[in-house]
């Protein structure tokens, strides 16, 4: 199993940047595909980004493509989400998630087995 703890959220003005971190416990972090999801008030959980075990492959939702960058440091058991040019519509609770069964990182929330508690991102206009 792996335990995930997100950090780095906060309040930022539109156009600003934040970097989220997700620290994982355990010694097998490099065997997990990782994803970032978000849930805005009154909306369903939404895929944001995913990264392969080695970090060589990343996927993004169309709404964040070109603004967000996901990366990982397996030596530090951590994944990151760098968010640039933030917009008010990016306001949400952001979660990281992990799974180790699939060849490539999935974009569906139901395919992930482990979840963090989330970190709040609020973008003011």
Protein backbone atom coordinates (compact mmCIF):
# COMPACT_ATOMS: atom_id res chain seq x y z
CA UNK A 1 0.00 0.00 0.00
CA UNK A 2 0.94 3.63 -0.34
CA UNK A 3 -0.22 6.65 1.62
CA UNK A 4 -0.45 9.98 -0.15
CA UNK A 5 -0.30 13.48 1.32
CA UNK A 6 -0.86 16.57 -0.82
CA UNK A 7 0.44 20.05 -0.06
CA UNK A 8 1.01 23.36 -1.77
CA UNK A 9 -2.52 24.58 -2.24
CA UNK A 10 -3.61 28.10 -1.40
CA UNK A 11 -5.20 31.31 -2.58
CA UNK A 12 -3.77 32.92 -5.70
CA UNK A 13 -4.87 35.63 -8.10
CA UNK A 14 -5.81 34.80 -11.65
CA UNK A 15 -2.71 34.51 -13.79
CA UNK A 16 -0.63 33.33 -10.87
CA UNK A 17 1.10 30.02 -10.24
CA UNK A 18 1.15 27.28 -7.64
CA UNK A 19 3.05 24.04 -7.33
CA UNK A 20 1.30 21.14 -5.66
CA UNK A 21 3.22 18.27 -4.15
CA UNK A 22 2.11 14.76 -3.27
CA UNK A 23 4.38 12.83 -0.95
CA UNK A 24 4.05 9.06 -0.86
CA UNK A 25 5.01 6.62 1.85
CA UNK A 26 6.63 3.28 1.24
CA UNK A 27 9.52 1.94 -0.80
CA UNK A 28 7.66 1.00 -3.98
CA UNK A 29 6.61 4.44 -5.16
CA UNK A 30 8.28 3.96 -8.54
CA UNK A 31 5.91 1.08 -9.28
CA UNK A 32 2.87 3.36 -9.21
CA UNK A 33 1.27 5.32 -11.99
CA UNK A 34 0.15 8.60 -10.49
CA UNK A 35 -2.64 11.02 -11.26
CA UNK A 36 -4.02 14.39 -10.21
CA UNK A 37 -7.76 14.98 -10.03
CA UNK A 38 -9.86 17.88 -8.82
CA UNK A 39 -13.35 18.47 -7.52
CA UNK A 40 -14.95 21.88 -7.75
CA UNK A 41 -17.91 22.77 -5.53
CA UNK A 42 -21.06 21.16 -6.85
CA UNK A 43 -19.25 19.29 -9.59
CA UNK A 44 -17.97 15.79 -10.11
CA UNK A 45 -14.36 14.79 -9.71
CA UNK A 46 -12.39 15.63 -12.84
CA UNK A 47 -9.19 14.25 -14.31
CA UNK A 48 -6.33 16.75 -14.45
CA UNK A 49 -3.13 14.90 -15.26
CA UNK A 50 -1.37 11.55 -15.02
CA UNK A 51 2.20 10.34 -15.20
CA UNK A 52 3.81 6.99 -15.84
CA UNK A 53 6.02 5.14 -13.40
CA UNK A 54 9.25 6.42 -14.94
CA UNK A 55 7.89 9.91 -15.52
CA UNK A 56 8.49 9.74 -19.27
CA UNK A 57 4.80 9.81 -20.22
CA UNK A 58 2.29 12.40 -19.10
CA UNK A 59 -1.34 13.08 -19.97
CA UNK A 60 -3.39 16.21 -19.41
CA UNK A 61 -7.00 17.24 -19.56
CA UNK A 62 -7.66 19.64 -22.40
CA UNK A 63 -8.65 22.36 -19.97
CA UNK A 64 -5.15 22.45 -18.41
CA UNK A 65 -2.97 21.47 -21.37
CA UNK A 66 -0.21 24.00 -21.83
CA UNK A 67 -0.71 25.53 -18.37
CA UNK A 68 -0.09 22.62 -16.00
CA UNK A 69 2.96 20.36 -15.84
CA UNK A 70 3.08 17.11 -13.92
CA UNK A 71 6.38 15.58 -12.88
CA UNK A 72 7.75 13.11 -10.36
CA UNK A 73 10.91 12.46 -8.38
CA UNK A 74 11.04 8.79 -7.52
CA UNK A 75 14.07 9.33 -5.27
CA UNK A 76 11.92 11.63 -3.14
CA UNK A 77 8.69 9.62 -3.45
CA UNK A 78 6.95 12.75 -4.67
CA UNK A 79 4.86 13.91 -7.60
CA UNK A 80 4.31 17.53 -8.49
CA UNK A 81 1.79 19.59 -10.36
CA UNK A 82 3.05 22.97 -11.52
CA UNK A 83 0.09 25.17 -12.35
CA UNK A 84 0.68 28.35 -14.33
CA UNK A 85 -1.70 31.00 -15.61
CA UNK A 86 -4.32 29.91 -13.12
CA UNK A 87 -7.94 30.81 -13.79
CA UNK A 88 -10.91 31.07 -11.44
CA UNK A 89 -12.34 27.92 -13.05
CA UNK A 90 -9.31 26.03 -11.67
CA UNK A 91 -10.65 26.55 -8.15
CA UNK A 92 -11.12 23.09 -6.63
CA UNK A 93 -9.91 20.55 -4.14
CA UNK A 94 -6.97 18.79 -5.78
CA UNK A 95 -6.23 15.14 -5.08
CA UNK A 96 -3.36 12.91 -6.04
CA UNK A 97 -3.95 9.24 -6.67
CA UNK A 98 -1.91 6.13 -7.36
CA UNK A 99 -2.36 2.72 -8.96
CA UNK A 100 0.04 -0.07 -9.92
CA UNK A 101 -1.99 -2.48 -12.05
CA UNK A 102 -2.04 -0.87 -15.46
CA UNK A 103 0.67 -0.48 -18.07
CA UNK A 104 -0.04 3.20 -18.70
CA UNK A 105 -1.42 5.81 -16.30
CA UNK A 106 -5.21 5.93 -16.55
CA UNK A 107 -7.41 9.02 -16.66
CA UNK A 108 -10.44 7.51 -14.95
CA UNK A 109 -10.73 8.01 -11.22
CA UNK A 110 -12.19 4.54 -10.67
CA UNK A 111 -8.94 2.99 -11.90
CA UNK A 112 -6.95 4.45 -9.03
CA UNK A 113 -6.69 2.58 -5.75
CA UNK A 114 -5.01 5.07 -3.42
CA UNK A 115 -5.98 8.66 -2.74
CA UNK A 116 -4.76 11.55 -0.67
CA UNK A 117 -6.96 13.88 1.37
CA UNK A 118 -6.66 16.76 -1.04
CA UNK A 119 -5.33 20.30 -1.01
CA UNK A 120 -7.49 23.34 -1.75
CA UNK A 121 -6.67 25.68 -4.62
CA UNK A 122 -8.60 28.92 -4.83
CA UNK A 123 -8.09 31.33 -7.70
CA UNK A 124 -9.52 34.82 -7.34
CA UNK A 125 -10.47 36.99 -10.29
